Structures are given as structure tokens and as C-alpha cells.
N, C-alpha and C. Protein backbone atom coordinates (compact mmCIF):
# COMPACT_ATOMS: atom_id res chain seq x y z
N UNK A 1 0.87 -81.72 -69.96
CA UNK A 1 1.91 -80.68 -69.90
C UNK A 1 2.71 -80.85 -68.61
N UNK A 2 4.02 -80.85 -68.74
CA UNK A 2 4.87 -81.05 -67.58
C UNK A 2 4.97 -79.76 -66.78
N UNK A 3 5.31 -79.81 -65.49
CA UNK A 3 5.47 -78.59 -64.67
C UNK A 3 6.43 -77.63 -65.28
N UNK A 4 7.51 -78.11 -65.90
CA UNK A 4 8.53 -77.20 -66.48
C UNK A 4 7.94 -76.44 -67.65
N UNK A 5 7.12 -77.12 -68.48
CA UNK A 5 6.49 -76.46 -69.64
C UNK A 5 5.48 -75.44 -69.18
N UNK A 6 4.70 -75.76 -68.14
CA UNK A 6 3.69 -74.81 -67.63
C UNK A 6 4.35 -73.55 -67.12
N UNK A 7 5.49 -73.70 -66.45
CA UNK A 7 6.21 -72.53 -65.92
C UNK A 7 6.72 -71.65 -67.04
N UNK A 8 7.24 -72.26 -68.10
CA UNK A 8 7.76 -71.49 -69.24
C UNK A 8 6.64 -70.73 -69.92
N UNK A 9 5.45 -71.35 -70.07
CA UNK A 9 4.30 -70.69 -70.71
C UNK A 9 3.83 -69.49 -69.90
N UNK A 10 3.84 -69.62 -68.57
CA UNK A 10 3.42 -68.52 -67.71
C UNK A 10 4.35 -67.33 -67.85
N UNK A 11 5.66 -67.61 -67.92
CA UNK A 11 6.65 -66.53 -68.08
C UNK A 11 6.44 -65.81 -69.41
N UNK A 12 6.15 -66.57 -70.47
CA UNK A 12 5.93 -65.99 -71.79
C UNK A 12 4.71 -65.08 -71.79
N UNK A 13 3.62 -65.52 -71.10
CA UNK A 13 2.40 -64.70 -71.05
C UNK A 13 2.66 -63.37 -70.35
N UNK A 14 3.43 -63.42 -69.23
CA UNK A 14 3.73 -62.18 -68.49
C UNK A 14 4.57 -61.24 -69.34
N UNK A 15 5.48 -61.78 -70.13
CA UNK A 15 6.35 -60.96 -70.99
C UNK A 15 5.55 -60.25 -72.06
N UNK A 16 4.62 -60.99 -72.71
CA UNK A 16 3.76 -60.41 -73.75
C UNK A 16 2.89 -59.31 -73.17
N UNK A 17 2.32 -59.56 -71.99
CA UNK A 17 1.46 -58.57 -71.33
C UNK A 17 2.25 -57.30 -71.03
N UNK A 18 3.49 -57.45 -70.54
CA UNK A 18 4.32 -56.28 -70.21
C UNK A 18 4.64 -55.46 -71.44
N UNK A 19 4.95 -56.13 -72.56
CA UNK A 19 5.26 -55.42 -73.80
C UNK A 19 4.05 -54.64 -74.29
N UNK A 20 2.87 -55.24 -74.20
CA UNK A 20 1.64 -54.56 -74.63
C UNK A 20 1.38 -53.33 -73.79
N UNK A 21 1.57 -53.46 -72.47
CA UNK A 21 1.34 -52.31 -71.57
C UNK A 21 2.30 -51.18 -71.89
N UNK A 22 3.56 -51.54 -72.18
CA UNK A 22 4.56 -50.53 -72.51
C UNK A 22 4.18 -49.81 -73.80
N UNK A 23 3.68 -50.55 -74.78
CA UNK A 23 3.29 -49.94 -76.06
C UNK A 23 2.16 -48.94 -75.86
N UNK A 24 1.18 -49.28 -75.01
CA UNK A 24 0.06 -48.38 -74.71
C UNK A 24 0.57 -47.11 -74.05
N UNK A 25 1.51 -47.26 -73.09
CA UNK A 25 2.05 -46.11 -72.37
C UNK A 25 2.77 -45.17 -73.31
N UNK A 26 3.57 -45.75 -74.24
CA UNK A 26 4.30 -44.93 -75.21
C UNK A 26 3.35 -44.19 -76.12
N UNK A 27 2.29 -44.86 -76.58
CA UNK A 27 1.30 -44.23 -77.47
C UNK A 27 0.60 -43.09 -76.78
N UNK A 28 0.26 -43.31 -75.49
CA UNK A 28 -0.43 -42.26 -74.71
C UNK A 28 0.46 -41.05 -74.53
N UNK A 29 1.74 -41.29 -74.23
CA UNK A 29 2.69 -40.18 -74.05
C UNK A 29 2.84 -39.41 -75.35
N UNK A 30 2.85 -40.11 -76.49
CA UNK A 30 2.99 -39.45 -77.77
C UNK A 30 1.84 -38.52 -78.05
N UNK A 31 0.61 -38.91 -77.67
CA UNK A 31 -0.56 -38.06 -77.89
C UNK A 31 -0.51 -36.83 -77.02
N UNK A 32 -0.14 -37.00 -75.75
CA UNK A 32 -0.16 -35.87 -74.83
C UNK A 32 0.92 -34.86 -75.16
N UNK A 33 2.03 -35.29 -75.77
CA UNK A 33 3.12 -34.37 -76.07
C UNK A 33 2.72 -33.38 -77.15
N UNK A 34 1.66 -33.66 -77.90
CA UNK A 34 1.24 -32.75 -78.96
C UNK A 34 0.37 -31.63 -78.46
N UNK A 35 -0.06 -31.65 -77.20
CA UNK A 35 -0.93 -30.60 -76.68
C UNK A 35 -0.12 -29.36 -76.39
N UNK A 36 -0.77 -28.21 -76.39
CA UNK A 36 -0.07 -26.94 -76.13
C UNK A 36 -0.75 -26.20 -75.00
N UNK A 37 0.03 -25.43 -74.27
CA UNK A 37 -0.50 -24.63 -73.17
C UNK A 37 -0.66 -23.20 -73.63
N UNK A 38 -1.84 -22.58 -73.48
CA UNK A 38 -2.04 -21.21 -73.93
C UNK A 38 -1.03 -20.28 -73.27
N UNK A 39 -0.52 -19.34 -74.06
CA UNK A 39 0.44 -18.37 -73.53
C UNK A 39 -0.31 -17.24 -72.83
N UNK A 40 0.11 -16.90 -71.65
CA UNK A 40 -0.54 -15.83 -70.90
C UNK A 40 0.44 -14.73 -70.59
N UNK A 41 -0.10 -13.54 -70.33
CA UNK A 41 0.73 -12.39 -69.96
C UNK A 41 0.34 -11.96 -68.56
N UNK A 42 1.01 -12.44 -67.53
CA UNK A 42 0.67 -12.02 -66.17
C UNK A 42 0.92 -10.54 -65.99
N UNK A 43 0.03 -9.85 -65.28
CA UNK A 43 0.17 -8.42 -65.06
C UNK A 43 1.06 -8.17 -63.86
N UNK A 44 2.35 -8.27 -64.09
CA UNK A 44 3.32 -8.02 -63.04
C UNK A 44 3.61 -6.54 -63.00
N UNK A 45 3.63 -5.90 -61.82
CA UNK A 45 3.90 -4.47 -61.75
C UNK A 45 5.18 -4.11 -62.50
N UNK A 46 5.02 -3.20 -63.46
CA UNK A 46 6.17 -2.73 -64.20
C UNK A 46 6.74 -3.76 -65.16
N UNK A 47 6.00 -4.83 -65.44
CA UNK A 47 6.55 -5.88 -66.28
C UNK A 47 6.63 -5.42 -67.72
N UNK A 48 7.66 -5.86 -68.42
CA UNK A 48 7.82 -5.50 -69.82
C UNK A 48 8.31 -6.70 -70.60
N UNK A 49 8.12 -6.64 -71.88
CA UNK A 49 8.66 -7.68 -72.74
C UNK A 49 8.88 -7.10 -74.12
N UNK A 50 10.02 -7.40 -74.71
CA UNK A 50 10.29 -6.95 -76.07
C UNK A 50 10.46 -8.13 -77.00
N UNK A 51 9.86 -9.26 -76.62
CA UNK A 51 9.94 -10.44 -77.46
C UNK A 51 9.18 -10.19 -78.75
N UNK A 52 9.83 -10.42 -79.89
CA UNK A 52 9.18 -10.16 -81.16
C UNK A 52 8.71 -11.42 -81.87
N UNK A 53 9.07 -12.58 -81.32
CA UNK A 53 8.63 -13.84 -81.93
C UNK A 53 7.15 -14.03 -81.68
N UNK A 54 6.34 -14.44 -82.70
CA UNK A 54 4.91 -14.67 -82.51
C UNK A 54 4.67 -15.72 -81.43
N UNK A 55 3.56 -15.58 -80.69
CA UNK A 55 3.23 -16.51 -79.63
C UNK A 55 3.08 -17.92 -80.18
N UNK A 56 3.68 -18.87 -79.47
CA UNK A 56 3.52 -20.26 -79.83
C UNK A 56 4.51 -20.76 -80.87
N UNK A 57 5.42 -19.89 -81.35
CA UNK A 57 6.39 -20.34 -82.34
C UNK A 57 7.77 -20.39 -81.73
N UNK A 58 8.64 -21.14 -82.34
CA UNK A 58 10.00 -21.27 -81.84
C UNK A 58 10.82 -20.07 -82.27
N UNK A 59 11.64 -19.54 -81.36
CA UNK A 59 12.47 -18.40 -81.70
C UNK A 59 13.49 -18.77 -82.76
N UNK A 60 13.74 -20.05 -82.95
CA UNK A 60 14.71 -20.48 -83.94
C UNK A 60 14.21 -20.22 -85.35
N UNK A 61 12.87 -20.13 -85.53
CA UNK A 61 12.31 -19.92 -86.86
C UNK A 61 11.85 -18.49 -87.05
N UNK A 62 11.96 -17.61 -86.04
CA UNK A 62 11.53 -16.23 -86.17
C UNK A 62 12.60 -15.42 -86.88
N UNK A 63 12.17 -14.32 -87.49
CA UNK A 63 13.11 -13.47 -88.20
C UNK A 63 14.06 -12.82 -87.21
N UNK A 64 15.35 -12.76 -87.53
CA UNK A 64 16.31 -12.15 -86.60
C UNK A 64 16.07 -10.65 -86.47
N UNK A 65 16.33 -10.12 -85.28
CA UNK A 65 16.16 -8.69 -85.02
C UNK A 65 17.50 -8.01 -85.19
N UNK A 66 17.56 -7.02 -86.07
CA UNK A 66 18.81 -6.33 -86.33
C UNK A 66 19.16 -5.39 -85.19
N UNK A 67 20.39 -4.91 -85.21
CA UNK A 67 20.84 -3.97 -84.17
C UNK A 67 20.02 -2.69 -84.24
N UNK A 68 19.67 -2.25 -85.44
CA UNK A 68 18.87 -1.04 -85.59
C UNK A 68 17.46 -1.23 -85.01
N UNK A 69 16.86 -2.40 -85.26
CA UNK A 69 15.55 -2.69 -84.71
C UNK A 69 15.59 -2.75 -83.19
N UNK A 70 16.66 -3.34 -82.66
CA UNK A 70 16.81 -3.43 -81.22
C UNK A 70 16.89 -2.04 -80.60
N UNK A 71 17.61 -1.13 -81.25
CA UNK A 71 17.74 0.24 -80.75
C UNK A 71 16.38 0.94 -80.73
N UNK A 72 15.59 0.71 -81.77
CA UNK A 72 14.25 1.31 -81.84
C UNK A 72 13.36 0.77 -80.73
N UNK A 73 13.36 -0.55 -80.56
CA UNK A 73 12.53 -1.18 -79.54
C UNK A 73 12.95 -0.75 -78.13
N UNK A 74 14.26 -0.61 -77.92
CA UNK A 74 14.75 -0.17 -76.61
C UNK A 74 14.26 1.25 -76.31
N UNK A 75 14.31 2.11 -77.32
CA UNK A 75 13.85 3.50 -77.14
C UNK A 75 12.36 3.54 -76.87
N UNK A 76 11.60 2.74 -77.61
CA UNK A 76 10.15 2.68 -77.42
C UNK A 76 9.81 2.20 -76.01
N UNK A 77 10.49 1.15 -75.58
CA UNK A 77 10.25 0.59 -74.25
C UNK A 77 10.60 1.61 -73.17
N UNK A 78 11.73 2.29 -73.32
CA UNK A 78 12.14 3.30 -72.33
C UNK A 78 11.12 4.43 -72.26
N UNK A 79 10.56 4.79 -73.40
CA UNK A 79 9.55 5.85 -73.44
C UNK A 79 8.32 5.45 -72.62
N UNK A 80 7.85 4.22 -72.83
CA UNK A 80 6.65 3.76 -72.11
C UNK A 80 6.94 3.60 -70.62
N UNK A 81 8.11 3.09 -70.27
CA UNK A 81 8.45 2.92 -68.86
C UNK A 81 8.55 4.28 -68.16
N UNK A 82 9.09 5.26 -68.85
CA UNK A 82 9.20 6.60 -68.26
C UNK A 82 7.82 7.19 -68.02
N UNK A 83 6.94 7.05 -69.00
CA UNK A 83 5.58 7.56 -68.84
C UNK A 83 4.88 6.90 -67.66
N UNK A 84 4.99 5.58 -67.56
CA UNK A 84 4.32 4.87 -66.46
C UNK A 84 4.93 5.22 -65.10
N UNK A 85 6.23 5.46 -65.07
CA UNK A 85 6.85 5.83 -63.79
C UNK A 85 6.28 7.15 -63.28
N UNK A 86 6.02 8.09 -64.18
CA UNK A 86 5.41 9.36 -63.78
C UNK A 86 3.93 9.17 -63.41
N UNK A 87 3.25 8.31 -64.17
CA UNK A 87 1.84 8.05 -63.87
C UNK A 87 1.67 7.42 -62.50
N UNK A 88 2.59 6.54 -62.13
CA UNK A 88 2.46 5.82 -60.87
C UNK A 88 2.92 6.63 -59.66
N UNK A 89 3.49 7.81 -59.90
CA UNK A 89 3.86 8.68 -58.79
C UNK A 89 2.63 9.27 -58.13
N UNK A 90 2.68 9.57 -56.83
CA UNK A 90 1.53 10.15 -56.12
C UNK A 90 1.08 11.45 -56.78
N UNK A 91 -0.23 11.61 -56.95
CA UNK A 91 -0.75 12.79 -57.62
C UNK A 91 -0.73 14.03 -56.72
N UNK A 92 -0.73 13.83 -55.40
CA UNK A 92 -0.89 14.95 -54.48
C UNK A 92 0.17 16.04 -54.67
N UNK A 93 1.44 15.64 -54.69
CA UNK A 93 2.51 16.63 -54.83
C UNK A 93 2.53 17.24 -56.22
N UNK A 94 2.32 16.39 -57.24
CA UNK A 94 2.31 16.91 -58.61
C UNK A 94 1.20 17.93 -58.80
N UNK A 95 0.03 17.64 -58.24
CA UNK A 95 -1.10 18.57 -58.38
C UNK A 95 -0.79 19.88 -57.67
N UNK A 96 -0.21 19.80 -56.48
CA UNK A 96 0.14 21.00 -55.74
C UNK A 96 1.16 21.84 -56.51
N UNK A 97 2.12 21.18 -57.15
CA UNK A 97 3.13 21.89 -57.92
C UNK A 97 2.52 22.53 -59.16
N UNK A 98 1.58 21.84 -59.80
CA UNK A 98 0.92 22.40 -60.97
C UNK A 98 0.11 23.64 -60.58
N UNK A 99 -0.59 23.56 -59.47
CA UNK A 99 -1.38 24.71 -58.99
C UNK A 99 -0.47 25.88 -58.65
N UNK A 100 0.73 25.56 -58.18
CA UNK A 100 1.69 26.60 -57.81
C UNK A 100 2.39 27.21 -59.02
N UNK A 101 2.13 26.66 -60.21
CA UNK A 101 2.70 27.24 -61.41
C UNK A 101 3.81 26.44 -62.07
N UNK A 102 4.14 25.28 -61.53
CA UNK A 102 5.16 24.44 -62.16
C UNK A 102 4.63 23.93 -63.51
N UNK A 103 5.53 23.74 -64.45
CA UNK A 103 5.15 23.24 -65.76
C UNK A 103 5.41 21.74 -65.85
N UNK A 104 4.83 21.13 -66.89
CA UNK A 104 5.04 19.70 -67.08
C UNK A 104 6.52 19.40 -67.33
N UNK A 105 7.22 20.32 -67.99
CA UNK A 105 8.65 20.12 -68.24
C UNK A 105 9.43 20.12 -66.92
N UNK A 106 8.96 20.90 -65.95
CA UNK A 106 9.61 20.91 -64.64
C UNK A 106 9.35 19.63 -63.88
N UNK A 107 8.12 19.13 -63.97
CA UNK A 107 7.72 17.97 -63.17
C UNK A 107 8.13 16.64 -63.79
N UNK A 108 8.12 16.57 -65.11
CA UNK A 108 8.40 15.30 -65.79
C UNK A 108 9.44 15.52 -66.89
N UNK A 109 10.65 15.91 -66.53
CA UNK A 109 11.67 16.28 -67.51
C UNK A 109 12.14 15.14 -68.41
N UNK A 110 12.07 13.91 -67.93
CA UNK A 110 12.59 12.79 -68.73
C UNK A 110 11.70 12.45 -69.92
N UNK A 111 10.47 12.95 -69.92
CA UNK A 111 9.59 12.68 -71.07
C UNK A 111 10.23 13.17 -72.36
N UNK A 112 10.87 14.33 -72.29
CA UNK A 112 11.49 14.92 -73.48
C UNK A 112 12.67 14.11 -73.99
N UNK A 113 13.18 13.18 -73.17
CA UNK A 113 14.27 12.32 -73.62
C UNK A 113 13.79 11.24 -74.58
N UNK A 114 12.48 10.93 -74.51
CA UNK A 114 11.95 9.82 -75.29
C UNK A 114 10.76 10.20 -76.18
N UNK A 115 10.16 11.38 -75.95
CA UNK A 115 9.04 11.84 -76.77
C UNK A 115 9.37 13.22 -77.35
N UNK A 116 8.79 13.51 -78.49
CA UNK A 116 8.93 14.84 -79.08
C UNK A 116 7.69 15.14 -79.92
N UNK A 117 7.59 16.40 -80.35
CA UNK A 117 6.48 16.77 -81.23
C UNK A 117 5.12 16.56 -80.60
N UNK A 118 4.18 16.09 -81.43
CA UNK A 118 2.80 15.90 -80.96
C UNK A 118 2.71 14.82 -79.89
N UNK A 119 3.59 13.82 -79.92
CA UNK A 119 3.56 12.77 -78.90
C UNK A 119 3.90 13.33 -77.53
N UNK A 120 4.90 14.20 -77.47
CA UNK A 120 5.29 14.81 -76.19
C UNK A 120 4.16 15.69 -75.67
N UNK A 121 3.56 16.47 -76.54
CA UNK A 121 2.45 17.34 -76.14
C UNK A 121 1.28 16.52 -75.61
N UNK A 122 0.98 15.42 -76.30
CA UNK A 122 -0.14 14.57 -75.89
C UNK A 122 0.10 13.93 -74.53
N UNK A 123 1.31 13.42 -74.31
CA UNK A 123 1.60 12.77 -73.03
C UNK A 123 1.67 13.79 -71.89
N UNK A 124 2.16 14.99 -72.17
CA UNK A 124 2.17 16.06 -71.17
C UNK A 124 0.74 16.36 -70.72
N UNK A 125 -0.15 16.54 -71.69
CA UNK A 125 -1.55 16.87 -71.38
C UNK A 125 -2.23 15.73 -70.63
N UNK A 126 -1.88 14.51 -71.01
CA UNK A 126 -2.46 13.35 -70.34
C UNK A 126 -2.05 13.30 -68.87
N UNK A 127 -0.77 13.52 -68.60
CA UNK A 127 -0.29 13.51 -67.22
C UNK A 127 -0.91 14.63 -66.40
N UNK A 128 -1.02 15.81 -67.00
CA UNK A 128 -1.65 16.93 -66.29
C UNK A 128 -3.09 16.59 -65.94
N UNK A 129 -3.82 15.98 -66.88
CA UNK A 129 -5.20 15.60 -66.63
C UNK A 129 -5.34 14.59 -65.51
N UNK A 130 -4.44 13.61 -65.48
CA UNK A 130 -4.48 12.58 -64.43
C UNK A 130 -4.20 13.20 -63.07
N UNK A 131 -3.17 14.04 -62.98
CA UNK A 131 -2.79 14.64 -61.70
C UNK A 131 -3.83 15.65 -61.23
N UNK A 132 -4.31 16.48 -62.13
CA UNK A 132 -5.34 17.46 -61.75
C UNK A 132 -6.66 16.78 -61.40
N UNK A 133 -6.89 15.60 -62.00
CA UNK A 133 -8.11 14.85 -61.71
C UNK A 133 -8.00 14.02 -60.45
N UNK A 134 -6.86 14.14 -59.75
CA UNK A 134 -6.63 13.43 -58.50
C UNK A 134 -6.80 11.92 -58.67
N UNK A 135 -6.17 11.41 -59.73
CA UNK A 135 -6.27 9.99 -60.04
C UNK A 135 -4.96 9.27 -59.74
N UNK A 136 -5.09 8.04 -59.30
CA UNK A 136 -3.93 7.18 -59.10
C UNK A 136 -3.59 6.50 -60.43
N UNK A 137 -2.31 6.38 -60.73
CA UNK A 137 -1.91 5.74 -61.98
C UNK A 137 -2.13 4.24 -61.94
N UNK A 138 -2.01 3.57 -63.08
CA UNK A 138 -2.16 2.12 -63.14
C UNK A 138 -1.17 1.43 -62.21
N UNK A 139 -1.63 0.46 -61.47
CA UNK A 139 -0.73 -0.28 -60.57
C UNK A 139 0.07 -1.33 -61.32
N UNK A 140 -0.46 -1.82 -62.43
CA UNK A 140 0.24 -2.83 -63.24
C UNK A 140 0.14 -2.46 -64.71
N UNK A 141 1.15 -2.87 -65.45
CA UNK A 141 1.11 -2.69 -66.90
C UNK A 141 1.98 -3.74 -67.57
N UNK A 142 1.69 -3.98 -68.84
CA UNK A 142 2.44 -4.96 -69.61
C UNK A 142 2.62 -4.40 -71.01
N UNK A 143 3.87 -4.28 -71.45
CA UNK A 143 4.16 -3.70 -72.75
C UNK A 143 4.00 -4.70 -73.90
N UNK A 144 3.68 -5.93 -73.57
CA UNK A 144 3.37 -6.92 -74.61
C UNK A 144 4.55 -7.29 -75.47
N UNK A 145 4.32 -7.41 -76.77
CA UNK A 145 5.33 -7.88 -77.72
C UNK A 145 5.43 -6.90 -78.90
N UNK A 146 6.05 -5.76 -78.67
CA UNK A 146 6.18 -4.78 -79.76
C UNK A 146 7.08 -5.29 -80.87
N UNK A 147 6.85 -4.80 -82.08
CA UNK A 147 7.66 -5.19 -83.22
C UNK A 147 7.87 -3.99 -84.13
N UNK A 148 9.01 -3.94 -84.77
CA UNK A 148 9.30 -2.87 -85.72
C UNK A 148 8.68 -3.27 -87.06
N UNK A 149 7.67 -2.51 -87.51
CA UNK A 149 6.99 -2.84 -88.76
C UNK A 149 7.52 -2.04 -89.94
N UNK A 150 8.28 -0.98 -89.65
CA UNK A 150 8.86 -0.17 -90.72
C UNK A 150 10.13 0.48 -90.20
N UNK A 151 11.16 0.54 -91.03
CA UNK A 151 12.43 1.10 -90.57
C UNK A 151 13.23 1.68 -91.73
N UNK A 152 13.66 2.95 -91.58
CA UNK A 152 14.59 3.57 -92.52
C UNK A 152 15.77 4.07 -91.69
N UNK A 153 16.64 4.83 -92.32
CA UNK A 153 17.80 5.32 -91.59
C UNK A 153 17.43 6.26 -90.45
N UNK A 154 16.31 7.00 -90.61
CA UNK A 154 15.95 8.01 -89.60
C UNK A 154 14.52 7.89 -89.08
N UNK A 155 13.74 6.97 -89.60
CA UNK A 155 12.35 6.82 -89.14
C UNK A 155 12.04 5.35 -88.87
N UNK A 156 11.06 5.14 -88.00
CA UNK A 156 10.65 3.77 -87.67
C UNK A 156 9.20 3.78 -87.20
N UNK A 157 8.57 2.64 -87.34
CA UNK A 157 7.20 2.45 -86.85
C UNK A 157 7.19 1.19 -86.00
N UNK A 158 6.68 1.33 -84.79
CA UNK A 158 6.54 0.18 -83.89
C UNK A 158 5.07 -0.16 -83.76
N UNK A 159 4.76 -1.42 -83.91
CA UNK A 159 3.38 -1.91 -83.75
C UNK A 159 3.31 -2.75 -82.48
N UNK A 160 2.25 -2.55 -81.70
CA UNK A 160 2.13 -3.32 -80.46
C UNK A 160 0.83 -3.08 -79.75
N UNK A 161 0.74 -3.63 -78.55
CA UNK A 161 -0.45 -3.47 -77.72
C UNK A 161 -0.01 -3.42 -76.26
N UNK A 162 -0.39 -2.36 -75.57
CA UNK A 162 -0.02 -2.17 -74.17
C UNK A 162 -1.25 -2.37 -73.30
N UNK A 163 -1.11 -3.19 -72.27
CA UNK A 163 -2.22 -3.42 -71.34
C UNK A 163 -1.86 -2.84 -69.98
N UNK A 164 -2.85 -2.19 -69.32
CA UNK A 164 -2.62 -1.76 -67.94
C UNK A 164 -3.92 -1.82 -67.15
N UNK A 165 -3.78 -1.67 -65.83
CA UNK A 165 -4.94 -1.80 -64.94
C UNK A 165 -5.77 -0.53 -64.87
N UNK A 166 -5.33 0.54 -65.51
CA UNK A 166 -6.12 1.77 -65.59
C UNK A 166 -5.98 2.69 -64.39
N UNK A 167 -6.32 3.95 -64.60
CA UNK A 167 -6.30 4.92 -63.51
C UNK A 167 -7.51 4.72 -62.60
N UNK A 168 -7.36 5.11 -61.35
CA UNK A 168 -8.45 4.95 -60.38
C UNK A 168 -8.58 6.19 -59.52
N UNK A 169 -9.75 6.37 -58.95
CA UNK A 169 -10.01 7.47 -58.04
C UNK A 169 -9.52 7.09 -56.64
N UNK A 170 -9.61 8.06 -55.73
CA UNK A 170 -9.20 7.79 -54.34
C UNK A 170 -10.04 6.68 -53.72
N UNK A 171 -11.27 6.52 -54.21
CA UNK A 171 -12.17 5.48 -53.70
C UNK A 171 -11.93 4.13 -54.36
N UNK A 172 -10.98 4.10 -55.30
CA UNK A 172 -10.69 2.84 -55.96
C UNK A 172 -11.53 2.56 -57.19
N UNK A 173 -12.33 3.53 -57.61
CA UNK A 173 -13.17 3.36 -58.79
C UNK A 173 -12.38 3.74 -60.05
N UNK A 174 -12.76 3.20 -61.21
CA UNK A 174 -12.06 3.55 -62.45
C UNK A 174 -12.17 5.05 -62.74
N UNK A 175 -11.09 5.63 -63.24
CA UNK A 175 -11.11 7.02 -63.63
C UNK A 175 -11.89 7.20 -64.92
N UNK A 176 -12.02 8.42 -65.42
CA UNK A 176 -12.72 8.65 -66.68
C UNK A 176 -12.05 7.90 -67.83
N UNK A 177 -12.84 7.47 -68.80
CA UNK A 177 -12.30 6.73 -69.93
C UNK A 177 -11.28 7.56 -70.70
N UNK A 178 -11.47 8.88 -70.74
CA UNK A 178 -10.54 9.75 -71.45
C UNK A 178 -9.19 9.85 -70.75
N UNK A 179 -9.14 9.42 -69.49
CA UNK A 179 -7.90 9.44 -68.72
C UNK A 179 -7.48 8.03 -68.32
N UNK A 180 -7.74 7.09 -69.23
CA UNK A 180 -7.29 5.70 -69.06
C UNK A 180 -7.92 5.01 -67.85
N UNK A 181 -9.17 5.33 -67.58
CA UNK A 181 -9.85 4.67 -66.47
C UNK A 181 -10.30 3.27 -66.84
N UNK A 182 -10.13 2.34 -65.93
CA UNK A 182 -10.55 0.96 -66.17
C UNK A 182 -9.48 0.14 -66.87
N UNK A 183 -9.41 -1.13 -66.52
CA UNK A 183 -8.40 -2.01 -67.12
C UNK A 183 -8.67 -2.21 -68.60
N UNK A 184 -7.62 -2.29 -69.37
CA UNK A 184 -7.76 -2.49 -70.80
C UNK A 184 -6.45 -2.26 -71.51
N UNK A 185 -6.51 -2.31 -72.83
CA UNK A 185 -5.30 -2.15 -73.61
C UNK A 185 -5.42 -1.12 -74.69
N UNK A 186 -4.29 -0.75 -75.24
CA UNK A 186 -4.25 0.16 -76.36
C UNK A 186 -3.43 -0.47 -77.47
N UNK A 187 -4.07 -0.78 -78.58
CA UNK A 187 -3.40 -1.42 -79.70
C UNK A 187 -3.20 -0.41 -80.82
N UNK A 188 -1.99 -0.34 -81.36
CA UNK A 188 -1.78 0.62 -82.42
C UNK A 188 -0.35 0.72 -82.89
N UNK A 189 0.01 1.91 -83.37
CA UNK A 189 1.35 2.13 -83.91
C UNK A 189 1.96 3.39 -83.30
N UNK A 190 3.29 3.39 -83.22
CA UNK A 190 4.04 4.52 -82.71
C UNK A 190 5.10 4.89 -83.74
N UNK A 191 5.14 6.17 -84.12
CA UNK A 191 6.15 6.66 -85.06
C UNK A 191 7.34 7.17 -84.28
N UNK A 192 8.54 6.79 -84.70
CA UNK A 192 9.76 7.26 -84.06
C UNK A 192 10.68 7.90 -85.10
N UNK A 193 11.48 8.85 -84.64
CA UNK A 193 12.47 9.49 -85.51
C UNK A 193 13.81 9.52 -84.80
N UNK A 194 14.87 9.39 -85.59
CA UNK A 194 16.22 9.43 -85.05
C UNK A 194 16.74 10.86 -85.14
N UNK A 195 17.08 11.45 -83.99
CA UNK A 195 17.58 12.82 -83.96
C UNK A 195 18.71 12.90 -82.94
N UNK A 196 19.85 13.43 -83.38
CA UNK A 196 21.03 13.56 -82.51
C UNK A 196 21.42 12.23 -81.88
N UNK A 197 21.26 11.16 -82.64
CA UNK A 197 21.68 9.85 -82.18
C UNK A 197 20.70 9.12 -81.29
N UNK A 198 19.50 9.69 -81.06
CA UNK A 198 18.51 9.05 -80.18
C UNK A 198 17.16 8.90 -80.90
N UNK A 199 16.56 7.75 -80.70
CA UNK A 199 15.21 7.51 -81.24
C UNK A 199 14.19 8.08 -80.26
N UNK A 200 13.20 8.82 -80.81
CA UNK A 200 12.15 9.38 -79.97
C UNK A 200 10.78 9.14 -80.62
N UNK A 201 9.78 8.94 -79.78
CA UNK A 201 8.41 8.78 -80.27
C UNK A 201 7.88 10.16 -80.65
N UNK A 202 7.47 10.31 -81.90
CA UNK A 202 6.98 11.61 -82.37
C UNK A 202 5.47 11.66 -82.50
N UNK A 203 4.84 10.52 -82.70
CA UNK A 203 3.38 10.46 -82.84
C UNK A 203 2.94 9.02 -82.60
N UNK A 204 1.68 8.86 -82.26
CA UNK A 204 1.15 7.51 -82.07
C UNK A 204 -0.35 7.52 -82.29
N UNK A 205 -0.86 6.36 -82.63
CA UNK A 205 -2.29 6.18 -82.83
C UNK A 205 -2.69 4.83 -82.29
N UNK A 206 -3.55 4.83 -81.28
CA UNK A 206 -3.96 3.57 -80.65
C UNK A 206 -5.48 3.46 -80.58
N UNK A 207 -5.94 2.24 -80.51
CA UNK A 207 -7.37 1.94 -80.36
C UNK A 207 -7.56 1.13 -79.10
N UNK A 208 -8.57 1.51 -78.30
CA UNK A 208 -8.82 0.80 -77.05
C UNK A 208 -9.34 -0.61 -77.31
N UNK A 209 -8.78 -1.57 -76.59
CA UNK A 209 -9.22 -2.96 -76.68
C UNK A 209 -9.38 -3.51 -75.26
N UNK A 210 -10.24 -4.50 -75.09
CA UNK A 210 -10.47 -5.05 -73.75
C UNK A 210 -9.27 -5.82 -73.25
N UNK A 211 -8.54 -6.43 -74.16
CA UNK A 211 -7.33 -7.15 -73.77
C UNK A 211 -6.40 -7.24 -74.97
N UNK A 212 -5.12 -7.42 -74.70
CA UNK A 212 -4.13 -7.52 -75.78
C UNK A 212 -3.88 -8.97 -76.14
């Protein structure tokens, strides 16, 4: 074999080796691209989400949300945010005002903008219990991914799961379970009705879950 032929053979071997290495790299990349990262919900203070697309699916294939559904979800979200804003307020002044004869309507007037009927009564009693029990409200909460499961011209049902860090005592211990003590979630449904142009939560039914 002449020196020129030996040189040409060496170049050919290096070229074949490079092509093989490239093929392996491409195959490896193709396998790794099929893996998925679990979706998590970080507990950011006051964080909310009204995403209705199921976890792990493309929004391009999810059912479109109508303007009416958006209005319902916005009202539901505002109701929960209002409740949590009152819960996270210091209990000391609220308790003093309650002892002095102030009513829940005086202390938390915005609740009536988003709740009515049995739902308003239930949330009023809940807030009174938390404040009278000298409990701190949840420091973090997450409204998850609510969805409208039923909708007519004047009624709607929202299905979802809300997670929060729970009420705590002055010592930092979980409050009573009946007053949302301890971290956890509430999974269930909320009934809303349209009255005077505004959607309001009229009733709800939730079940305690360890996580949403």
C-alpha cells in the first residue's frame, strides 16, 4: 500500500466514526425529548391560577373558554381572594371590634359583593371563629385550576381544589381542624348565581384532602 493510499484510508475511517457518533447522539436526544417534568404548584403567597387546561396537555387542544365561563371564573376567583385577604388580616383588631359589638358586615363588607345566601353566612361564621379563636390566617394559598362544570343563563357550578397552609395559633401550631388548621386542600364544587349583573357564590360543598 502506497503512502497516499494509507492516508486516504485513514481519512475514510475517521469520517465513518464521526457519522456513527453523530447518529448515536441524535438517537439519545430523541429518547430524552420524550420525557416529561411533573407539574407542580408552588405555594406562592396569594398565588392564583384560572388555567382550565388539564395538566400536561397542550392548550391548543383544550376546549375554548367562553366569555360567560370567564366571567364565572373571575367572580369565583375574586370571591376566594377576598375571603383570604380578610383571613390574612391581623386577628387582634378584628377580635376587639367583634367584642365591642361590630358585626361581620361592618368588618368584612366586601364578602357580600361575591357571596350570598348560605355561602355568605358560612364564610361570615368562619371568619368570626378564626378571629375569636385568636388564629392567624393562612400565609400561603393556591386556587389551583378551577373549571366551570355547569352553566346556564343565571346559574353556574365551578369545580376545583384550593390548597392553603392553614390557620395557626400565636405559637405557630395548627389551629383547630374545624377552623382550617393545618396545611391541606379543599376539593369540591361551588354554586354561583347571576343577580343584578354579578355572579355570586351561593353555596359550596368541599371535602378535605391532603393535597390538590
